[in-house]
Amino acid sequence: MIKIAIGSFTFCVTAFAVAFMISEAFKTPDVFFSYSSNGCVKVINYTTESTYSCENLPKKYNKMWVE
């Protein structure tokens, strides 16, 4: 009985952690950098709370390269 309870608890904690990581991954903004100038071109924010721009880059972002 204890093994079933521990297994169920472990499964629930793991499922919650995976769901949290996926939701955080979808919130991460995309920052587009130019190949030629190696500078920021634009920032796409996926939440209304985020107001990031090329002048105000987030600490964590998906780096995309453009021509």
PDB file of N, CA and C in Angstrom:
ATOM      1  N   MET A   1       0.815  -1.190   0.000  1.00  0.00           N
ATOM      2  CA  MET A   1       0.000   0.000   0.000  1.00  0.00           C
ATOM      3  C   MET A   1       0.864   1.261   0.000  1.00  0.00           C
ATOM      4  N   ILE A   2       1.926   1.246   0.764  1.00  0.00           N
ATOM      5  CA  ILE A   2       2.833   2.406   0.815  1.00  0.00           C
ATOM      6  C   ILE A   2       3.500   2.603  -0.547  1.00  0.00           C
ATOM      7  N   LYS A   3       3.872   1.516  -1.228  1.00  0.00           N
ATOM      8  CA  LYS A   3       4.521   1.630  -2.532  1.00  0.00           C
ATOM      9  C   LYS A   3       3.596   2.296  -3.542  1.00  0.00           C
ATOM     10  N   ILE A   4       2.318   1.981  -3.488  1.00  0.00           N
ATOM     11  CA  ILE A   4       1.354   2.592  -4.409  1.00  0.00           C
ATOM     12  C   ILE A   4       1.219   4.085  -4.112  1.00  0.00           C
ATOM     13  N   ALA A   5       1.167   4.455  -2.853  1.00  0.00           N
ATOM     14  CA  ALA A   5       1.049   5.863  -2.470  1.00  0.00           C
ATOM     15  C   ALA A   5       2.281   6.644  -2.902  1.00  0.00           C
ATOM     16  N   ILE A   6       3.453   6.080  -2.685  1.00  0.00           N
ATOM     17  CA  ILE A   6       4.696   6.753  -3.080  1.00  0.00           C
ATOM     18  C   ILE A   6       4.771   6.868  -4.594  1.00  0.00           C
ATOM     19  N   GLY A   7       4.387   5.821  -5.300  1.00  0.00           N
ATOM     20  CA  GLY A   7       4.388   5.857  -6.765  1.00  0.00           C
ATOM     21  C   GLY A   7       3.418   6.892  -7.306  1.00  0.00           C
ATOM     22  N   SER A   8       2.230   6.972  -6.723  1.00  0.00           N
ATOM     23  CA  SER A   8       1.236   7.962  -7.151  1.00  0.00           C
ATOM     24  C   SER A   8       1.725   9.380  -6.887  1.00  0.00           C
ATOM     25  N   PHE A   9       2.308   9.601  -5.724  1.00  0.00           N
ATOM     26  CA  PHE A   9       2.841  10.910  -5.377  1.00  0.00           C
ATOM     27  C   PHE A   9       3.957  11.311  -6.338  1.00  0.00           C
ATOM     28  N   THR A  10       4.857  10.403  -6.620  1.00  0.00           N
ATOM     29  CA  THR A  10       5.971  10.670  -7.536  1.00  0.00           C
ATOM     30  C   THR A  10       5.448  11.004  -8.925  1.00  0.00           C
ATOM     31  N   PHE A  11       4.456  10.256  -9.388  1.00  0.00           N
ATOM     32  CA  PHE A  11       3.875  10.523 -10.705  1.00  0.00           C
ATOM     33  C   PHE A  11       3.247  11.913 -10.746  1.00  0.00           C
ATOM     34  N   CYS A  12       2.488  12.281  -9.726  1.00  0.00           N
ATOM     35  CA  CYS A  12       1.826  13.591  -9.690  1.00  0.00           C
ATOM     36  C   CYS A  12       2.838  14.731  -9.673  1.00  0.00           C
ATOM     37  N   VAL A  13       3.887  14.604  -8.888  1.00  0.00           N
ATOM     38  CA  VAL A  13       4.920  15.647  -8.818  1.00  0.00           C
ATOM     39  C   VAL A  13       5.632  15.774 -10.167  1.00  0.00           C
ATOM     40  N   THR A  14       5.941  14.650 -10.792  1.00  0.00           N
ATOM     41  CA  THR A  14       6.610  14.666 -12.094  1.00  0.00           C
ATOM     42  C   THR A  14       5.708  15.290 -13.158  1.00  0.00           C
ATOM     43  N   ALA A  15       4.435  14.923 -13.174  1.00  0.00           N
ATOM     44  CA  ALA A  15       3.495  15.480 -14.149  1.00  0.00           C
ATOM     45  C   ALA A  15       3.360  16.988 -13.965  1.00  0.00           C
ATOM     46  N   PHE A  16       3.291  17.445 -12.725  1.00  0.00           N
ATOM     47  CA  PHE A  16       3.200  18.885 -12.451  1.00  0.00           C
ATOM     48  C   PHE A  16       4.461  19.605 -12.927  1.00  0.00           C
ATOM     49  N   ALA A  17       5.623  19.026 -12.668  1.00  0.00           N
ATOM     50  CA  ALA A  17       6.886  19.652 -13.076  1.00  0.00           C
ATOM     51  C   ALA A  17       6.979  19.758 -14.595  1.00  0.00           C
ATOM     52  N   VAL A  18       6.580  18.716 -15.298  1.00  0.00           N
ATOM     53  CA  VAL A  18       6.627  18.738 -16.765  1.00  0.00           C
ATOM     54  C   VAL A  18       5.650  19.777 -17.303  1.00  0.00           C
ATOM     55  N   ALA A  19       4.447  19.840 -16.752  1.00  0.00           N
ATOM     56  CA  ALA A  19       3.462  20.831 -17.199  1.00  0.00           C
ATOM     57  C   ALA A  19       3.963  22.254 -16.953  1.00  0.00           C
ATOM     58  N   PHE A  20       4.615  22.476 -15.821  1.00  0.00           N
ATOM     59  CA  PHE A  20       5.161  23.803 -15.515  1.00  0.00           C
ATOM     60  C   PHE A  20       6.264  24.177 -16.500  1.00  0.00           C
ATOM     61  N   MET A  21       7.157  23.250 -16.800  1.00  0.00           N
ATOM     62  CA  MET A  21       8.258  23.539 -17.726  1.00  0.00           C
ATOM     63  C   MET A  21       7.734  23.831 -19.122  1.00  0.00           C
ATOM     64  N   ILE A  22       6.709  23.109 -19.558  1.00  0.00           N
ATOM     65  CA  ILE A  22       6.135  23.351 -20.884  1.00  0.00           C
ATOM     66  C   ILE A  22       5.479  24.727 -20.930  1.00  0.00           C
ATOM     67  N   SER A  23       4.752  25.089 -19.885  1.00  0.00           N
ATOM     68  CA  SER A  23       4.099  26.406 -19.880  1.00  0.00           C
ATOM     69  C   SER A  23       5.131  27.534 -19.868  1.00  0.00           C
ATOM     70  N   GLU A  24       6.231  27.355 -19.165  1.00  0.00           N
ATOM     71  CA  GLU A  24       7.288  28.368 -19.157  1.00  0.00           C
ATOM     72  C   GLU A  24       7.975  28.465 -20.518  1.00  0.00           C
ATOM     73  N   ALA A  25       8.127  27.333 -21.197  1.00  0.00           N
ATOM     74  CA  ALA A  25       8.778  27.341 -22.507  1.00  0.00           C
ATOM     75  C   ALA A  25       7.952  28.123 -23.525  1.00  0.00           C
ATOM     76  N   PHE A  26       6.628  28.041 -23.430  1.00  0.00           N
ATOM     77  CA  PHE A  26       5.776  28.774 -24.357  1.00  0.00           C
ATOM     78  C   PHE A  26       5.742  30.270 -24.066  1.00  0.00           C
ATOM     79  N   LYS A  27       6.182  30.698 -22.912  1.00  0.00           N
ATOM     80  CA  LYS A  27       6.220  32.118 -22.563  1.00  0.00           C
ATOM     81  C   LYS A  27       7.526  32.789 -22.981  1.00  0.00           C
ATOM     82  N   THR A  28       8.554  32.013 -23.296  1.00  0.00           N
ATOM     83  CA  THR A  28       9.872  32.562 -23.606  1.00  0.00           C
ATOM     84  C   THR A  28       9.822  33.349 -24.919  1.00  0.00           C
ATOM     85  N   PRO A  29      10.218  34.615 -24.905  1.00  0.00           N
ATOM     86  CA  PRO A  29      10.167  35.427 -26.125  1.00  0.00           C
ATOM     87  C   PRO A  29      11.214  34.995 -27.158  1.00  0.00           C
ATOM     88  N   ASP A  30      10.915  35.288 -28.415  1.00  0.00           N
ATOM     89  CA  ASP A  30      11.853  35.049 -29.513  1.00  0.00           C
ATOM     90  C   ASP A  30      12.558  36.361 -29.838  1.00  0.00           C
ATOM     91  N   VAL A  31      13.879  36.307 -29.939  1.00  0.00           N
ATOM     92  CA  VAL A  31      14.661  37.485 -30.300  1.00  0.00           C
ATOM     93  C   VAL A  31      15.368  37.176 -31.616  1.00  0.00           C
ATOM     94  N   PHE A  32      15.133  38.019 -32.610  1.00  0.00           N
ATOM     95  CA  PHE A  32      15.706  37.830 -33.937  1.00  0.00           C
ATOM     96  C   PHE A  32      16.966  38.677 -34.073  1.00  0.00           C
ATOM     97  N   PHE A  33      18.066  38.019 -34.457  1.00  0.00           N
ATOM     98  CA  PHE A  33      19.349  38.692 -34.654  1.00  0.00           C
ATOM     99  C   PHE A  33      19.739  38.620 -36.121  1.00  0.00           C
ATOM    100  N   SER A  34      20.379  39.673 -36.599  1.00  0.00           N
ATOM    101  CA  SER A  34      20.841  39.751 -37.977  1.00  0.00           C
ATOM    102  C   SER A  34      22.188  39.053 -38.121  1.00  0.00           C
ATOM    103  N   TYR A  35      22.337  38.256 -39.190  1.00  0.00           N
ATOM    104  CA  TYR A  35      23.625  37.618 -39.472  1.00  0.00           C
ATOM    105  C   TYR A  35      24.694  38.665 -39.765  1.00  0.00           C
ATOM    106  N   SER A  36      24.323  39.668 -40.556  1.00  0.00           N
ATOM    107  CA  SER A  36      25.325  40.636 -41.016  1.00  0.00           C
ATOM    108  C   SER A  36      25.765  41.602 -39.924  1.00  0.00           C
ATOM    109  N   SER A  37      24.815  42.126 -39.143  1.00  0.00           N
ATOM    110  CA  SER A  37      25.195  43.112 -38.131  1.00  0.00           C
ATOM    111  C   SER A  37      25.372  42.510 -36.746  1.00  0.00           C
ATOM    112  N   ASN A  38      24.931  41.255 -36.559  1.00  0.00           N
ATOM    113  CA  ASN A  38      24.987  40.567 -35.270  1.00  0.00           C
ATOM    114  C   ASN A  38      24.240  41.346 -34.183  1.00  0.00           C
ATOM    115  N   GLY A  39      23.233  42.118 -34.618  1.00  0.00           N
ATOM    116  CA  GLY A  39      22.441  42.900 -33.675  1.00  0.00           C
ATOM    117  C   GLY A  39      20.991  42.461 -33.678  1.00  0.00           C
ATOM    118  N   CYS A  40      20.274  42.886 -32.676  1.00  0.00           N
ATOM    119  CA  CYS A  40      18.860  42.549 -32.538  1.00  0.00           C
ATOM    120  C   CYS A  40      18.045  43.246 -33.625  1.00  0.00           C
ATOM    121  N   VAL A  41      17.128  42.491 -34.227  1.00  0.00           N
ATOM    122  CA  VAL A  41      16.250  43.040 -35.260  1.00  0.00           C
ATOM    123  C   VAL A  41      14.850  43.274 -34.694  1.00  0.00           C
ATOM    124  N   LYS A  42      14.305  42.255 -34.007  1.00  0.00           N
ATOM    125  CA  LYS A  42      12.993  42.410 -33.385  1.00  0.00           C
ATOM    126  C   LYS A  42      12.809  41.369 -32.294  1.00  0.00           C
ATOM    127  N   VAL A  43      11.821  41.617 -31.443  1.00  0.00           N
ATOM    128  CA  VAL A  43      11.491  40.724 -30.335  1.00  0.00           C
ATOM    129  C   VAL A  43      10.012  40.400 -30.416  1.00  0.00           C
ATOM    130  N   ILE A  44       9.673  39.116 -30.319  1.00  0.00           N
ATOM    131  CA  ILE A  44       8.277  38.696 -30.286  1.00  0.00           C
ATOM    132  C   ILE A  44       7.951  38.243 -28.871  1.00  0.00           C
ATOM    133  N   ASN A  45       7.021  38.951 -28.229  1.00  0.00           N
ATOM    134  CA  ASN A  45       6.560  38.608 -26.887  1.00  0.00           C
ATOM    135  C   ASN A  45       5.301  37.753 -27.002  1.00  0.00           C
ATOM    136  N   TYR A  46       5.237  36.666 -26.246  1.00  0.00           N
ATOM    137  CA  TYR A  46       4.092  35.767 -26.326  1.00  0.00           C
ATOM    138  C   TYR A  46       3.093  35.968 -25.187  1.00  0.00           C
ATOM    139  N   THR A  47       3.376  36.857 -24.268  1.00  0.00           N
ATOM    140  CA  THR A  47       2.430  37.177 -23.206  1.00  0.00           C
ATOM    141  C   THR A  47       2.214  38.683 -23.176  1.00  0.00           C
ATOM    142  N   THR A  48       1.085  39.088 -22.660  1.00  0.00           N
ATOM    143  CA  THR A  48       0.804  40.522 -22.586  1.00  0.00           C
ATOM    144  C   THR A  48       1.603  41.188 -21.469  1.00  0.00           C
ATOM    145  N   GLU A  49       2.103  40.397 -20.532  1.00  0.00           N
ATOM    146  CA  GLU A  49       2.905  40.935 -19.428  1.00  0.00           C
ATOM    147  C   GLU A  49       4.295  41.356 -19.886  1.00  0.00           C
ATOM    148  N   SER A  50       4.793  40.713 -20.943  1.00  0.00           N
ATOM    149  CA  SER A  50       6.147  40.987 -21.430  1.00  0.00           C
ATOM    150  C   SER A  50       6.144  42.217 -22.319  1.00  0.00           C
ATOM    151  N   THR A  51       7.068  43.125 -22.045  1.00  0.00           N
ATOM    152  CA  THR A  51       7.225  44.319 -22.882  1.00  0.00           C
ATOM    153  C   THR A  51       8.686  44.442 -23.306  1.00  0.00           C
ATOM    154  N   TYR A  52       9.257  43.338 -23.725  1.00  0.00           N
ATOM    155  CA  TYR A  52      10.662  43.340 -24.114  1.00  0.00           C
ATOM    156  C   TYR A  52      10.821  43.894 -25.519  1.00  0.00           C
ATOM    157  N   SER A  53      11.980  44.491 -25.757  1.00  0.00           N
ATOM    158  CA  SER A  53      12.325  45.038 -27.067  1.00  0.00           C
ATOM    159  C   SER A  53      13.819  44.819 -27.275  1.00  0.00           C
ATOM    160  N   CYS A  54      14.324  45.295 -28.410  1.00  0.00           N
ATOM    161  CA  CYS A  54      15.761  45.155 -28.666  1.00  0.00           C
ATOM    162  C   CYS A  54      16.591  45.959 -27.665  1.00  0.00           C
ATOM    163  N   GLU A  55      16.026  47.034 -27.145  1.00  0.00           N
ATOM    164  CA  GLU A  55      16.735  47.836 -26.152  1.00  0.00           C
ATOM    165  C   GLU A  55      16.607  47.234 -24.750  1.00  0.00           C
ATOM    166  N   ASN A  56      15.593  46.399 -24.546  1.00  0.00           N
ATOM    167  CA  ASN A  56      15.310  45.809 -23.244  1.00  0.00           C
ATOM    168  C   ASN A  56      15.168  44.295 -23.416  1.00  0.00           C
ATOM    169  N   LEU A  57      16.293  43.607 -23.637  1.00  0.00           N
ATOM    170  CA  LEU A  57      16.262  42.163 -23.867  1.00  0.00           C
ATOM    171  C   LEU A  57      15.998  41.400 -22.568  1.00  0.00           C
ATOM    172  N   PRO A  58      15.236  40.308 -22.662  1.00  0.00           N
ATOM    173  CA  PRO A  58      15.007  39.501 -21.462  1.00  0.00           C
ATOM    174  C   PRO A  58      16.254  38.716 -21.083  1.00  0.00           C
ATOM    175  N   LYS A  59      16.281  38.200 -19.858  1.00  0.00           N
ATOM    176  CA  LYS A  59      17.418  37.398 -19.421  1.00  0.00           C
ATOM    177  C   LYS A  59      17.474  36.077 -20.166  1.00  0.00           C
ATOM    178  N   LYS A  60      16.311  35.525 -20.500  1.00  0.00           N
ATOM    179  CA  LYS A  60      16.237  34.233 -21.177  1.00  0.00           C
ATOM    180  C   LYS A  60      15.350  34.378 -22.404  1.00  0.00           C
ATOM    181  N   TYR A  61      15.851  33.948 -23.569  1.00  0.00           N
ATOM    182  CA  TYR A  61      15.079  34.063 -24.804  1.00  0.00           C
ATOM    183  C   TYR A  61      15.543  33.026 -25.810  1.00  0.00           C
ATOM    184  N   ASN A  62      14.697  32.817 -26.838  1.00  0.00           N
ATOM    185  CA  ASN A  62      15.045  31.945 -27.956  1.00  0.00           C
ATOM    186  C   ASN A  62      15.727  32.803 -29.008  1.00  0.00           C
ATOM    187  N   LYS A  63      16.951  32.462 -29.353  1.00  0.00           N
ATOM    188  CA  LYS A  63      17.712  33.256 -30.319  1.00  0.00           C
ATOM    189  C   LYS A  63      17.471  32.725 -31.717  1.00  0.00           C
ATOM    190  N   MET A  64      16.973  33.599 -32.594  1.00  0.00           N
ATOM    191  CA  MET A  64      16.680  33.254 -33.975  1.00  0.00           C
ATOM    192  C   MET A  64      17.563  34.104 -34.875  1.00  0.00           C
ATOM    193  N   TRP A  65      18.119  33.497 -35.908  1.00  0.00           N
ATOM    194  CA  TRP A  65      18.989  34.226 -36.830  1.00  0.00           C
ATOM    195  C   TRP A  65      18.233  34.539 -38.119  1.00  0.00           C
ATOM    196  N   VAL A  66      18.370  35.764 -38.611  1.00  0.00           N
ATOM    197  CA  VAL A  66      17.742  36.189 -39.869  1.00  0.00           C
ATOM    198  C   VAL A  66      18.802  36.859 -40.731  1.00  0.00           C
ATOM    199  N   GLU A  67      18.473  37.006 -41.998  1.00  0.00           N
ATOM    200  CA  GLU A  67      19.426  37.644 -42.919  1.00  0.00           C
ATOM    201  C   GLU A  67      19.420  39.148 -42.786  1.00  0.00           C
TER     202      GLU A  67
END
